[in-house]
Amino acid sequence: QVQLVESGGGTVQAGDSLRLSCAASGRSFINDYMGWFRQAPGREREFVGTISWNRQNTYYADSVKGRFTVSREYGKNQAVYLHMNSLKPEDTAVYYCAADPRDMMLLTPDTVRYWGQGTQVTVSS
């Protein structure tokens, strides 16, 4: 059974840093793109960042560029991480881990194949 399990969410103050983790299991994701989306209350789920299967390419939404970084691990403990710096109140959302064999930059959220259950990040001013 394929599972993506996020952890690391919480409540922080503006300017703080936070690292989200996503443990992937049930199949090998070595050839998949992996990344993160987020959804704030009353808003559509939106793309945050993604990393290619070979780690050579990363892409970010303009709203997080320069502040957030996506990284990944392979092997037995395959995982993807979201390093978030200089957090702002507008970053408050449920953050979802995602994976897909296709380039996530070309997908809409409703077409992404694998999802985690989400983890809440709240940034207070």
PDB file of N, CA and C in Angstrom:
ATOM      1  N   GLN A   1       0.844  -1.191   0.000  1.00  0.00           N
ATOM      2  CA  GLN A   1       0.000   0.000   0.000  1.00  0.00           C
ATOM      3  C   GLN A   1       0.878   1.240   0.000  1.00  0.00           C
ATOM      4  N   VAL A   2       0.664   2.107  -0.980  1.00  0.00           N
ATOM      5  CA  VAL A   2       1.440   3.331  -1.079  1.00  0.00           C
ATOM      6  C   VAL A   2       1.004   4.311   0.005  1.00  0.00           C
ATOM      7  N   GLN A   3       1.990   4.855   0.703  1.00  0.00           N
ATOM      8  CA  GLN A   3       1.694   5.838   1.734  1.00  0.00           C
ATOM      9  C   GLN A   3       2.679   6.985   1.684  1.00  0.00           C
ATOM     10  N   LEU A   4       2.174   8.183   1.844  1.00  0.00           N
ATOM     11  CA  LEU A   4       2.977   9.376   2.056  1.00  0.00           C
ATOM     12  C   LEU A   4       2.511   9.957   3.388  1.00  0.00           C
ATOM     13  N   VAL A   5       3.426  10.058   4.337  1.00  0.00           N
ATOM     14  CA  VAL A   5       3.052  10.493   5.682  1.00  0.00           C
ATOM     15  C   VAL A   5       3.863  11.713   6.067  1.00  0.00           C
ATOM     16  N   GLU A   6       3.181  12.835   6.215  1.00  0.00           N
ATOM     17  CA  GLU A   6       3.848  14.088   6.569  1.00  0.00           C
ATOM     18  C   GLU A   6       3.998  14.227   8.082  1.00  0.00           C
ATOM     19  N   SER A   7       4.994  14.996   8.473  1.00  0.00           N
ATOM     20  CA  SER A   7       5.179  15.358   9.869  1.00  0.00           C
ATOM     21  C   SER A   7       5.937  16.676   9.929  1.00  0.00           C
ATOM     22  N   GLY A   8       5.930  17.296  11.104  1.00  0.00           N
ATOM     23  CA  GLY A   8       6.723  18.507  11.302  1.00  0.00           C
ATOM     24  C   GLY A   8       5.942  19.802  11.325  1.00  0.00           C
ATOM     25  N   GLY A   9       4.647  19.732  11.087  1.00  0.00           N
ATOM     26  CA  GLY A   9       3.846  20.952  11.130  1.00  0.00           C
ATOM     27  C   GLY A   9       3.723  21.479  12.549  1.00  0.00           C
ATOM     28  N   GLY A  10       3.206  22.684  12.674  1.00  0.00           N
ATOM     29  CA  GLY A  10       3.019  23.279  13.988  1.00  0.00           C
ATOM     30  C   GLY A  10       2.705  24.753  13.883  1.00  0.00           C
ATOM     31  N   THR A  11       2.758  25.414  15.031  1.00  0.00           N
ATOM     32  CA  THR A  11       2.504  26.852  15.100  1.00  0.00           C
ATOM     33  C   THR A  11       3.807  27.573  15.417  1.00  0.00           C
ATOM     34  N   VAL A  12       4.144  28.527  14.585  1.00  0.00           N
ATOM     35  CA  VAL A  12       5.379  29.299  14.744  1.00  0.00           C
ATOM     36  C   VAL A  12       5.064  30.781  14.576  1.00  0.00           C
ATOM     37  N   GLN A  13       6.057  31.609  14.868  1.00  0.00           N
ATOM     38  CA  GLN A  13       5.893  33.051  14.693  1.00  0.00           C
ATOM     39  C   GLN A  13       6.487  33.487  13.356  1.00  0.00           C
ATOM     40  N   ALA A  14       6.024  34.612  12.870  1.00  0.00           N
ATOM     41  CA  ALA A  14       6.557  35.162  11.632  1.00  0.00           C
ATOM     42  C   ALA A  14       8.073  35.317  11.754  1.00  0.00           C
ATOM     43  N   GLY A  15       8.771  34.910  10.687  1.00  0.00           N
ATOM     44  CA  GLY A  15      10.230  34.980  10.678  1.00  0.00           C
ATOM     45  C   GLY A  15      10.916  33.692  11.094  1.00  0.00           C
ATOM     46  N   ASP A  16      10.166  32.781  11.690  1.00  0.00           N
ATOM     47  CA  ASP A  16      10.725  31.503  12.131  1.00  0.00           C
ATOM     48  C   ASP A  16      10.931  30.560  10.956  1.00  0.00           C
ATOM     49  N   SER A  17      11.590  29.440  11.257  1.00  0.00           N
ATOM     50  CA  SER A  17      11.817  28.383  10.275  1.00  0.00           C
ATOM     51  C   SER A  17      11.133  27.103  10.739  1.00  0.00           C
ATOM     52  N   LEU A  18      10.859  26.236   9.753  1.00  0.00           N
ATOM     53  CA  LEU A  18      10.207  24.961  10.050  1.00  0.00           C
ATOM     54  C   LEU A  18      10.603  23.987   8.954  1.00  0.00           C
ATOM     55  N   ARG A  19      10.752  22.710   9.307  1.00  0.00           N
ATOM     56  CA  ARG A  19      11.030  21.691   8.309  1.00  0.00           C
ATOM     57  C   ARG A  19       9.928  20.636   8.334  1.00  0.00           C
ATOM     58  N   LEU A  20       9.306  20.435   7.198  1.00  0.00           N
ATOM     59  CA  LEU A  20       8.328  19.368   7.044  1.00  0.00           C
ATOM     60  C   LEU A  20       8.997  18.149   6.442  1.00  0.00           C
ATOM     61  N   SER A  21       8.575  16.972   6.903  1.00  0.00           N
ATOM     62  CA  SER A  21       9.091  15.715   6.374  1.00  0.00           C
ATOM     63  C   SER A  21       7.932  14.900   5.813  1.00  0.00           C
ATOM     64  N   CYS A  22       8.252  14.083   4.824  1.00  0.00           N
ATOM     65  CA  CYS A  22       7.258  13.191   4.241  1.00  0.00           C
ATOM     66  C   CYS A  22       7.924  11.843   3.993  1.00  0.00           C
ATOM     67  N   ALA A  23       7.503  10.840   4.733  1.00  0.00           N
ATOM     68  CA  ALA A  23       8.029   9.487   4.569  1.00  0.00           C
ATOM     69  C   ALA A  23       7.194   8.748   3.537  1.00  0.00           C
ATOM     70  N   ALA A  24       7.869   8.197   2.539  1.00  0.00           N
ATOM     71  CA  ALA A  24       7.191   7.516   1.440  1.00  0.00           C
ATOM     72  C   ALA A  24       7.432   6.016   1.528  1.00  0.00           C
ATOM     73  N   SER A  25       6.379   5.230   1.348  1.00  0.00           N
ATOM     74  CA  SER A  25       6.513   3.773   1.436  1.00  0.00           C
ATOM     75  C   SER A  25       5.507   3.102   0.515  1.00  0.00           C
ATOM     76  N   GLY A  26       5.653   1.800   0.350  1.00  0.00           N
ATOM     77  CA  GLY A  26       4.718   1.020  -0.449  1.00  0.00           C
ATOM     78  C   GLY A  26       5.185   0.751  -1.872  1.00  0.00           C
ATOM     79  N   ARG A  27       6.096   1.531  -2.371  1.00  0.00           N
ATOM     80  CA  ARG A  27       6.695   1.336  -3.695  1.00  0.00           C
ATOM     81  C   ARG A  27       7.933   2.213  -3.749  1.00  0.00           C
ATOM     82  N   SER A  28       8.762   1.997  -4.753  1.00  0.00           N
ATOM     83  CA  SER A  28       9.914   2.853  -4.937  1.00  0.00           C
ATOM     84  C   SER A  28       9.479   4.123  -5.650  1.00  0.00           C
ATOM     85  N   PHE A  29       9.925   5.258  -5.122  1.00  0.00           N
ATOM     86  CA  PHE A  29       9.633   6.549  -5.741  1.00  0.00           C
ATOM     87  C   PHE A  29      10.858   7.112  -6.438  1.00  0.00           C
ATOM     88  N   ILE A  30      11.840   6.266  -6.697  1.00  0.00           N
ATOM     89  CA  ILE A  30      13.111   6.736  -7.229  1.00  0.00           C
ATOM     90  C   ILE A  30      12.952   7.423  -8.570  1.00  0.00           C
ATOM     91  N   ASN A  31      11.948   7.062  -9.344  1.00  0.00           N
ATOM     92  CA  ASN A  31      11.740   7.664 -10.663  1.00  0.00           C
ATOM     93  C   ASN A  31      10.624   8.691 -10.687  1.00  0.00           C
ATOM     94  N   ASP A  32      10.151   9.066  -9.496  1.00  0.00           N
ATOM     95  CA  ASP A  32       9.035  10.010  -9.417  1.00  0.00           C
ATOM     96  C   ASP A  32       9.508  11.418  -9.094  1.00  0.00           C
ATOM     97  N   TYR A  33       8.725  12.379  -9.534  1.00  0.00           N
ATOM     98  CA  TYR A  33       8.849  13.723  -9.020  1.00  0.00           C
ATOM     99  C   TYR A  33       8.146  13.743  -7.652  1.00  0.00           C
ATOM    100  N   MET A  34       8.717  14.460  -6.731  1.00  0.00           N
ATOM    101  CA  MET A  34       8.089  14.597  -5.417  1.00  0.00           C
ATOM    102  C   MET A  34       8.030  16.067  -5.055  1.00  0.00           C
ATOM    103  N   GLY A  35       7.060  16.438  -4.232  1.00  0.00           N
ATOM    104  CA  GLY A  35       6.966  17.845  -3.899  1.00  0.00           C
ATOM    105  C   GLY A  35       5.884  18.148  -2.890  1.00  0.00           C
ATOM    106  N   TRP A  36       5.517  19.411  -2.843  1.00  0.00           N
ATOM    107  CA  TRP A  36       4.592  19.905  -1.834  1.00  0.00           C
ATOM    108  C   TRP A  36       3.563  20.862  -2.444  1.00  0.00           C
ATOM    109  N   PHE A  37       2.354  20.741  -1.940  1.00  0.00           N
ATOM    110  CA  PHE A  37       1.276  21.674  -2.223  1.00  0.00           C
ATOM    111  C   PHE A  37       0.764  22.186  -0.886  1.00  0.00           C
ATOM    112  N   ARG A  38      -0.050  23.233  -0.917  1.00  0.00           N
ATOM    113  CA  ARG A  38      -0.666  23.710   0.313  1.00  0.00           C
ATOM    114  C   ARG A  38      -2.067  24.219   0.024  1.00  0.00           C
ATOM    115  N   GLN A  39      -2.880  24.234   1.075  1.00  0.00           N
ATOM    116  CA  GLN A  39      -4.247  24.716   0.935  1.00  0.00           C
ATOM    117  C   GLN A  39      -4.626  25.515   2.170  1.00  0.00           C
ATOM    118  N   ALA A  40      -4.893  26.799   1.971  1.00  0.00           N
ATOM    119  CA  ALA A  40      -5.347  27.672   3.041  1.00  0.00           C
ATOM    120  C   ALA A  40      -6.869  27.630   3.102  1.00  0.00           C
ATOM    121  N   PRO A  41      -7.459  27.968   4.251  1.00  0.00           N
ATOM    122  CA  PRO A  41      -8.924  27.939   4.374  1.00  0.00           C
ATOM    123  C   PRO A  41      -9.597  28.783   3.304  1.00  0.00           C
ATOM    124  N   GLY A  42     -10.581  28.207   2.629  1.00  0.00           N
ATOM    125  CA  GLY A  42     -11.338  28.927   1.619  1.00  0.00           C
ATOM    126  C   GLY A  42     -10.636  29.118   0.295  1.00  0.00           C
ATOM    127  N   ARG A  43      -9.468  28.472   0.146  1.00  0.00           N
ATOM    128  CA  ARG A  43      -8.702  28.650  -1.102  1.00  0.00           C
ATOM    129  C   ARG A  43      -8.452  27.312  -1.775  1.00  0.00           C
ATOM    130  N   GLU A  44      -8.092  27.369  -3.044  1.00  0.00           N
ATOM    131  CA  GLU A  44      -7.748  26.174  -3.796  1.00  0.00           C
ATOM    132  C   GLU A  44      -6.389  25.643  -3.335  1.00  0.00           C
ATOM    133  N   ARG A  45      -6.189  24.343  -3.516  1.00  0.00           N
ATOM    134  CA  ARG A  45      -4.872  23.768  -3.252  1.00  0.00           C
ATOM    135  C   ARG A  45      -3.902  24.320  -4.298  1.00  0.00           C
ATOM    136  N   GLU A  46      -2.714  24.733  -3.840  1.00  0.00           N
ATOM    137  CA  GLU A  46      -1.759  25.354  -4.756  1.00  0.00           C
ATOM    138  C   GLU A  46      -0.392  24.700  -4.658  1.00  0.00           C
ATOM    139  N   PHE A  47       0.316  24.766  -5.747  1.00  0.00           N
ATOM    140  CA  PHE A  47       1.671  24.223  -5.846  1.00  0.00           C
ATOM    141  C   PHE A  47       2.630  25.045  -4.997  1.00  0.00           C
ATOM    142  N   VAL A  48       3.542  24.375  -4.290  1.00  0.00           N
ATOM    143  CA  VAL A  48       4.570  25.057  -3.500  1.00  0.00           C
ATOM    144  C   VAL A  48       5.952  24.822  -4.106  1.00  0.00           C
ATOM    145  N   GLY A  49       6.341  23.566  -4.258  1.00  0.00           N
ATOM    146  CA  GLY A  49       7.659  23.264  -4.795  1.00  0.00           C
ATOM    147  C   GLY A  49       7.779  21.799  -5.137  1.00  0.00           C
ATOM    148  N   THR A  50       8.721  21.477  -6.026  1.00  0.00           N
ATOM    149  CA  THR A  50       8.914  20.103  -6.441  1.00  0.00           C
ATOM    150  C   THR A  50      10.385  19.847  -6.740  1.00  0.00           C
ATOM    151  N   ILE A  51      10.778  18.585  -6.666  1.00  0.00           N
ATOM    152  CA  ILE A  51      12.141  18.169  -6.989  1.00  0.00           C
ATOM    153  C   ILE A  51      12.054  16.997  -7.947  1.00  0.00           C
ATOM    154  N   SER A  52      12.920  17.005  -8.955  1.00  0.00           N
ATOM    155  CA  SER A  52      12.871  15.951  -9.959  1.00  0.00           C
ATOM    156  C   SER A  52      13.414  14.645  -9.403  1.00  0.00           C
ATOM    157  N   TRP A  53      13.215  13.586 -10.183  1.00  0.00           N
ATOM    158  CA  TRP A  53      13.587  12.250  -9.727  1.00  0.00           C
ATOM    159  C   TRP A  53      15.089  12.141  -9.488  1.00  0.00           C
ATOM    160  N   ASN A  54      15.904  12.915 -10.220  1.00  0.00           N
ATOM    161  CA  ASN A  54      17.362  12.826 -10.091  1.00  0.00           C
ATOM    162  C   ASN A  54      17.936  13.966  -9.255  1.00  0.00           C
ATOM    163  N   ARG A  55      17.082  14.726  -8.596  1.00  0.00           N
ATOM    164  CA  ARG A  55      17.483  15.850  -7.733  1.00  0.00           C
ATOM    165  C   ARG A  55      18.097  17.016  -8.503  1.00  0.00           C
ATOM    166  N   GLN A  56      18.173  16.927  -9.812  1.00  0.00           N
ATOM    167  CA  GLN A  56      18.872  17.979 -10.559  1.00  0.00           C
ATOM    168  C   GLN A  56      18.040  19.231 -10.753  1.00  0.00           C
ATOM    169  N   ASN A  57      16.745  19.111 -10.619  1.00  0.00           N
ATOM    170  CA  ASN A  57      15.876  20.255 -10.871  1.00  0.00           C
ATOM    171  C   ASN A  57      14.897  20.450  -9.717  1.00  0.00           C
ATOM    172  N   THR A  58      14.805  21.689  -9.293  1.00  0.00           N
ATOM    173  CA  THR A  58      13.782  22.071  -8.316  1.00  0.00           C
ATOM    174  C   THR A  58      13.029  23.279  -8.855  1.00  0.00           C
ATOM    175  N   TYR A  59      11.768  23.371  -8.530  1.00  0.00           N
ATOM    176  CA  TYR A  59      10.920  24.467  -8.987  1.00  0.00           C
ATOM    177  C   TYR A  59      10.055  24.910  -7.813  1.00  0.00           C
ATOM    178  N   TYR A  60       9.805  26.211  -7.771  1.00  0.00           N
ATOM    179  CA  TYR A  60       9.052  26.769  -6.644  1.00  0.00           C
ATOM    180  C   TYR A  60       8.024  27.782  -7.131  1.00  0.00           C
ATOM    181  N   ALA A  61       6.960  27.888  -6.361  1.00  0.00           N
ATOM    182  CA  ALA A  61       6.012  28.967  -6.595  1.00  0.00           C
ATOM    183  C   ALA A  61       6.695  30.296  -6.292  1.00  0.00           C
ATOM    184  N   ASP A  62       6.303  31.326  -7.004  1.00  0.00           N
ATOM    185  CA  ASP A  62       6.918  32.641  -6.806  1.00  0.00           C
ATOM    186  C   ASP A  62       6.767  33.112  -5.357  1.00  0.00           C
ATOM    187  N   SER A  63       5.686  32.735  -4.708  1.00  0.00           N
ATOM    188  CA  SER A  63       5.406  33.208  -3.358  1.00  0.00           C
ATOM    189  C   SER A  63       6.373  32.652  -2.316  1.00  0.00           C
ATOM    190  N   VAL A  64       7.068  31.565  -2.644  1.00  0.00           N
ATOM    191  CA  VAL A  64       7.979  30.945  -1.671  1.00  0.00           C
ATOM    192  C   VAL A  64       9.418  30.920  -2.159  1.00  0.00           C
ATOM    193  N   LYS A  65       9.655  31.336  -3.386  1.00  0.00           N
ATOM    194  CA  LYS A  65      10.995  31.280  -3.966  1.00  0.00           C
ATOM    195  C   LYS A  65      11.975  32.082  -3.112  1.00  0.00           C
ATOM    196  N   GLY A  66      13.108  31.459  -2.815  1.00  0.00           N
ATOM    197  CA  GLY A  66      14.120  32.121  -1.995  1.00  0.00           C
ATOM    198  C   GLY A  66      13.938  31.887  -0.507  1.00  0.00           C
ATOM    199  N   ARG A  67      12.795  31.368  -0.105  1.00  0.00           N
ATOM    200  CA  ARG A  67      12.533  31.093   1.313  1.00  0.00           C
ATOM    201  C   ARG A  67      12.374  29.603   1.594  1.00  0.00           C
ATOM    202  N   PHE A  68      11.820  28.856   0.658  1.00  0.00           N
ATOM    203  CA  PHE A  68      11.557  27.430   0.843  1.00  0.00           C
ATOM    204  C   PHE A  68      12.505  26.615  -0.035  1.00  0.00           C
ATOM    205  N   THR A  69      12.876  25.433   0.447  1.00  0.00           N
ATOM    206  CA  THR A  69      13.729  24.517  -0.303  1.00  0.00           C
ATOM    207  C   THR A  69      13.183  23.103  -0.176  1.00  0.00           C
ATOM    208  N   VAL A  70      13.106  22.392  -1.303  1.00  0.00           N
ATOM    209  CA  VAL A  70      12.689  20.993  -1.316  1.00  0.00           C
ATOM    210  C   VAL A  70      13.919  20.114  -1.487  1.00  0.00           C
ATOM    211  N   SER A  71      14.010  19.067  -0.687  1.00  0.00           N
ATOM    212  CA  SER A  71      15.084  18.090  -0.835  1.00  0.00           C
ATOM    213  C   SER A  71      14.484  16.699  -0.682  1.00  0.00           C
ATOM    214  N   ARG A  72      15.274  15.676  -1.031  1.00  0.00           N
ATOM    215  CA  ARG A  72      14.749  14.316  -0.952  1.00  0.00           C
ATOM    216  C   ARG A  72      15.827  13.321  -0.619  1.00  0.00           C
ATOM    217  N   GLU A  73      15.415  12.165  -0.125  1.00  0.00           N
ATOM    218  CA  GLU A  73      16.301  11.045   0.147  1.00  0.00           C
ATOM    219  C   GLU A  73      15.782   9.827  -0.594  1.00  0.00           C
ATOM    220  N   TYR A  74      16.725   8.952  -0.980  1.00  0.00           N
ATOM    221  CA  TYR A  74      16.379   7.698  -1.644  1.00  0.00           C
ATOM    222  C   TYR A  74      16.689   6.525  -0.723  1.00  0.00           C
ATOM    223  N   GLY A  75      16.422   5.352  -1.244  1.00  0.00           N
ATOM    224  CA  GLY A  75      16.802   4.153  -0.522  1.00  0.00           C
ATOM    225  C   GLY A  75      15.728   3.679   0.419  1.00  0.00           C
ATOM    226  N   LYS A  76      16.158   3.010   1.466  1.00  0.00           N
ATOM    227  CA  LYS A  76      15.224   2.388   2.391  1.00  0.00           C
ATOM    228  C   LYS A  76      14.310   3.431   3.038  1.00  0.00           C
ATOM    229  N   ASN A  77      14.851   4.580   3.395  1.00  0.00           N
ATOM    230  CA  ASN A  77      14.070   5.637   4.047  1.00  0.00           C
ATOM    231  C   ASN A  77      13.799   6.766   3.069  1.00  0.00           C
ATOM    232  N   GLN A  78      13.100   6.433   1.990  1.00  0.00           N
ATOM    233  CA  GLN A  78      12.840   7.452   0.988  1.00  0.00           C
ATOM    234  C   GLN A  78      11.906   8.510   1.563  1.00  0.00           C
ATOM    235  N   ALA A  79      12.242   9.749   1.306  1.00  0.00           N
ATOM    236  CA  ALA A  79      11.501  10.849   1.902  1.00  0.00           C
ATOM    237  C   ALA A  79      11.706  12.118   1.088  1.00  0.00           C
ATOM    238  N   VAL A  80      10.823  13.056   1.316  1.00  0.00           N
ATOM    239  CA  VAL A  80      10.967  14.397   0.736  1.00  0.00           C
ATOM    240  C   VAL A  80      10.755  15.398   1.865  1.00  0.00           C
ATOM    241  N   TYR A  81      11.485  16.498   1.795  1.00  0.00           N
ATOM    242  CA  TYR A  81      11.457  17.490   2.854  1.00  0.00           C
ATOM    243  C   TYR A  81      11.123  18.869   2.287  1.00  0.00           C
ATOM    244  N   LEU A  82      10.532  19.698   3.128  1.00  0.00           N
ATOM    245  CA  LEU A  82      10.293  21.097   2.781  1.00  0.00           C
ATOM    246  C   LEU A  82      10.888  21.945   3.894  1.00  0.00           C
ATOM    247  N   HIS A  83      11.965  22.649   3.560  1.00  0.00           N
ATOM    248  CA  HIS A  83      12.628  23.533   4.503  1.00  0.00           C
ATOM    249  C   HIS A  83      12.046  24.929   4.292  1.00  0.00           C
ATOM    250  N   MET A  84      11.433  25.459   5.334  1.00  0.00           N
ATOM    251  CA  MET A  84      10.753  26.747   5.214  1.00  0.00           C
ATOM    252  C   MET A  84      11.428  27.771   6.122  1.00  0.00           C
ATOM    253  N   ASN A  85      11.914  28.843   5.538  1.00  0.00           N
ATOM    254  CA  ASN A  85      12.554  29.927   6.283  1.00  0.00           C
ATOM    255  C   ASN A  85      11.748  31.215   6.119  1.00  0.00           C
ATOM    256  N   SER A  86      11.992  32.152   7.024  1.00  0.00           N
ATOM    257  CA  SER A  86      11.339  33.473   6.962  1.00  0.00           C
ATOM    258  C   SER A  86       9.832  33.332   6.761  1.00  0.00           C
ATOM    259  N   LEU A  87       9.216  32.521   7.572  1.00  0.00           N
ATOM    260  CA  LEU A  87       7.793  32.247   7.417  1.00  0.00           C
ATOM    261  C   LEU A  87       6.956  33.499   7.643  1.00  0.00           C
ATOM    262  N   LYS A  88       5.874  33.583   6.879  1.00  0.00           N
ATOM    263  CA  LYS A  88       4.954  34.717   6.934  1.00  0.00           C
ATOM    264  C   LYS A  88       3.562  34.212   7.309  1.00  0.00           C
ATOM    265  N   PRO A  89       2.721  35.071   7.873  1.00  0.00           N
ATOM    266  CA  PRO A  89       1.344  34.642   8.182  1.00  0.00           C
ATOM    267  C   PRO A  89       0.616  34.082   6.969  1.00  0.00           C
ATOM    268  N   GLU A  90       0.912  34.593   5.791  1.00  0.00           N
ATOM    269  CA  GLU A  90       0.241  34.097   4.577  1.00  0.00           C
ATOM    270  C   GLU A  90       0.701  32.706   4.167  1.00  0.00           C
ATOM    271  N   ASP A  91       1.708  32.160   4.847  1.00  0.00           N
ATOM    272  CA  ASP A  91       2.118  30.778   4.609  1.00  0.00           C
ATOM    273  C   ASP A  91       1.255  29.792   5.393  1.00  0.00           C
ATOM    274  N   THR A  92       0.373  30.287   6.226  1.00  0.00           N
ATOM    275  CA  THR A  92      -0.508  29.424   7.006  1.00  0.00           C
ATOM    276  C   THR A  92      -1.399  28.596   6.079  1.00  0.00           C
ATOM    277  N   ALA A  93      -1.344  27.275   6.247  1.00  0.00           N
ATOM    278  CA  ALA A  93      -2.095  26.362   5.371  1.00  0.00           C
ATOM    279  C   ALA A  93      -1.882  24.933   5.851  1.00  0.00           C
ATOM    280  N   VAL A  94      -2.640  24.025   5.275  1.00  0.00           N
ATOM    281  CA  VAL A  94      -2.344  22.599   5.387  1.00  0.00           C
ATOM    282  C   VAL A  94      -1.392  22.267   4.237  1.00  0.00           C
ATOM    283  N   TYR A  95      -0.272  21.667   4.566  1.00  0.00           N
ATOM    284  CA  TYR A  95       0.750  21.323   3.576  1.00  0.00           C
ATOM    285  C   TYR A  95       0.664  19.838   3.254  1.00  0.00           C
ATOM    286  N   TYR A  96       0.622  19.536   1.949  1.00  0.00           N
ATOM    287  CA  TYR A  96       0.472  18.171   1.474  1.00  0.00           C
ATOM    288  C   TYR A  96       1.713  17.735   0.700  1.00  0.00           C
ATOM    289  N   CYS A  97       2.199  16.563   1.026  1.00  0.00           N
ATOM    290  CA  CYS A  97       3.244  15.903   0.258  1.00  0.00           C
ATOM    291  C   CYS A  97       2.606  15.250  -0.966  1.00  0.00           C
ATOM    292  N   ALA A  98       3.327  15.245  -2.086  1.00  0.00           N
ATOM    293  CA  ALA A  98       2.790  14.663  -3.309  1.00  0.00           C
ATOM    294  C   ALA A  98       3.882  13.975  -4.102  1.00  0.00           C
ATOM    295  N   ALA A  99       3.480  12.999  -4.903  1.00  0.00           N
ATOM    296  CA  ALA A  99       4.418  12.294  -5.768  1.00  0.00           C
ATOM    297  C   ALA A  99       3.711  11.875  -7.041  1.00  0.00           C
ATOM    298  N   ASP A 100       4.464  11.878  -8.133  1.00  0.00           N
ATOM    299  CA  ASP A 100       3.891  11.489  -9.420  1.00  0.00           C
ATOM    300  C   ASP A 100       5.024  11.155 -10.380  1.00  0.00           C
ATOM    301  N   PRO A 101       4.856  10.165 -11.244  1.00  0.00           N
ATOM    302  CA  PRO A 101       5.898   9.860 -12.232  1.00  0.00           C
ATOM    303  C   PRO A 101       6.084  10.994 -13.245  1.00  0.00           C
ATOM    304  N   ARG A 102       5.100  11.843 -13.404  1.00  0.00           N
ATOM    305  CA  ARG A 102       5.172  12.949 -14.359  1.00  0.00           C
ATOM    306  C   ARG A 102       5.688  14.222 -13.689  1.00  0.00           C
ATOM    307  N   ASP A 103       6.171  15.127 -14.466  1.00  0.00           N
ATOM    308  CA  ASP A 103       6.676  16.404 -13.976  1.00  0.00           C
ATOM    309  C   ASP A 103       5.539  17.157 -13.282  1.00  0.00           C
ATOM    310  N   MET A 104       5.694  17.385 -11.981  1.00  0.00           N
ATOM    311  CA  MET A 104       4.616  17.976 -11.196  1.00  0.00           C
ATOM    312  C   MET A 104       4.317  19.412 -11.622  1.00  0.00           C
ATOM    313  N   MET A 105       5.273  20.060 -12.256  1.00  0.00           N
ATOM    314  CA  MET A 105       5.033  21.423 -12.740  1.00  0.00           C
ATOM    315  C   MET A 105       3.975  21.449 -13.830  1.00  0.00           C
ATOM    316  N   LEU A 106       3.747  20.330 -14.496  1.00  0.00           N
ATOM    317  CA  LEU A 106       2.811  20.265 -15.618  1.00  0.00           C
ATOM    318  C   LEU A 106       1.434  19.763 -15.193  1.00  0.00           C
ATOM    319  N   LEU A 107       1.277  19.480 -13.900  1.00  0.00           N
ATOM    320  CA  LEU A 107       0.039  18.884 -13.427  1.00  0.00           C
ATOM    321  C   LEU A 107      -0.804  19.871 -12.639  1.00  0.00           C
ATOM    322  N   THR A 108      -2.100  19.664 -12.675  1.00  0.00           N
ATOM    323  CA  THR A 108      -2.989  20.363 -11.755  1.00  0.00           C
ATOM    324  C   THR A 108      -3.181  19.476 -10.532  1.00  0.00           C
ATOM    325  N   PRO A 109      -3.521  20.055  -9.383  1.00  0.00           N
ATOM    326  CA  PRO A 109      -3.620  19.233  -8.168  1.00  0.00           C
ATOM    327  C   PRO A 109      -4.538  18.024  -8.312  1.00  0.00           C
ATOM    328  N   ASP A 110      -5.606  18.155  -9.079  1.00  0.00           N
ATOM    329  CA  ASP A 110      -6.547  17.034  -9.171  1.00  0.00           C
ATOM    330  C   ASP A 110      -6.006  15.882 -10.001  1.00  0.00           C
ATOM    331  N   THR A 111      -4.876  16.072 -10.666  1.00  0.00           N
ATOM    332  CA  THR A 111      -4.309  14.994 -11.475  1.00  0.00           C
ATOM    333  C   THR A 111      -3.076  14.354 -10.845  1.00  0.00           C
ATOM    334  N   VAL A 112      -2.604  14.888  -9.722  1.00  0.00           N
ATOM    335  CA  VAL A 112      -1.450  14.305  -9.047  1.00  0.00           C
ATOM    336  C   VAL A 112      -1.839  12.943  -8.488  1.00  0.00           C
ATOM    337  N   ARG A 113      -0.927  11.960  -8.665  1.00  0.00           N
ATOM    338  CA  ARG A 113      -1.298  10.574  -8.391  1.00  0.00           C
ATOM    339  C   ARG A 113      -1.309  10.225  -6.905  1.00  0.00           C
ATOM    340  N   TYR A 114      -0.297  10.653  -6.175  1.00  0.00           N
ATOM    341  CA  TYR A 114      -0.178  10.240  -4.781  1.00  0.00           C
ATOM    342  C   TYR A 114      -0.157  11.457  -3.849  1.00  0.00           C
ATOM    343  N   TRP A 115      -0.891  11.336  -2.741  1.00  0.00           N
ATOM    344  CA  TRP A 115      -0.995  12.422  -1.764  1.00  0.00           C
ATOM    345  C   TRP A 115      -0.788  11.904  -0.355  1.00  0.00           C
ATOM    346  N   GLY A 116      -0.245  12.762   0.489  1.00  0.00           N
ATOM    347  CA  GLY A 116      -0.261  12.523   1.916  1.00  0.00           C
ATOM    348  C   GLY A 116      -1.541  13.079   2.515  1.00  0.00           C
ATOM    349  N   GLN A 117      -1.659  12.929   3.827  1.00  0.00           N
ATOM    350  CA  GLN A 117      -2.890  13.349   4.498  1.00  0.00           C
ATOM    351  C   GLN A 117      -2.859  14.820   4.908  1.00  0.00           C
ATOM    352  N   GLY A 118      -1.683  15.426   4.871  1.00  0.00           N
ATOM    353  CA  GLY A 118      -1.560  16.848   5.173  1.00  0.00           C
ATOM    354  C   GLY A 118      -1.101  17.111   6.593  1.00  0.00           C
ATOM    355  N   THR A 119      -0.396  18.234   6.770  1.00  0.00           N
ATOM    356  CA  THR A 119       0.028  18.670   8.091  1.00  0.00           C
ATOM    357  C   THR A 119      -0.178  20.184   8.184  1.00  0.00           C
ATOM    358  N   GLN A 120      -0.702  20.635   9.314  1.00  0.00           N
ATOM    359  CA  GLN A 120      -1.059  22.049   9.473  1.00  0.00           C
ATOM    360  C   GLN A 120       0.164  22.868   9.850  1.00  0.00           C
ATOM    361  N   VAL A 121       0.336  23.985   9.161  1.00  0.00           N
ATOM    362  CA  VAL A 121       1.345  24.979   9.515  1.00  0.00           C
ATOM    363  C   VAL A 121       0.619  26.290   9.775  1.00  0.00           C
ATOM    364  N   THR A 122       0.820  26.855  10.951  1.00  0.00           N
ATOM    365  CA  THR A 122       0.202  28.121  11.316  1.00  0.00           C
ATOM    366  C   THR A 122       1.300  29.105  11.688  1.00  0.00           C
ATOM    367  N   VAL A 123       1.296  30.262  11.033  1.00  0.00           N
ATOM    368  CA  VAL A 123       2.305  31.285  11.287  1.00  0.00           C
ATOM    369  C   VAL A 123       1.592  32.493  11.879  1.00  0.00           C
ATOM    370  N   SER A 124       1.942  32.850  13.107  1.00  0.00           N
ATOM    371  CA  SER A 124       1.316  33.989  13.773  1.00  0.00           C
ATOM    372  C   SER A 124       2.165  35.242  13.584  1.00  0.00           C
ATOM    373  N   SER A 125       1.488  36.366  13.547  1.00  0.00           N
ATOM    374  CA  SER A 125       2.211  37.633  13.321  1.00  0.00           C
ATOM    375  C   SER A 125       2.696  38.232  14.631  1.00  0.00           C
TER     376      SER A 125
END
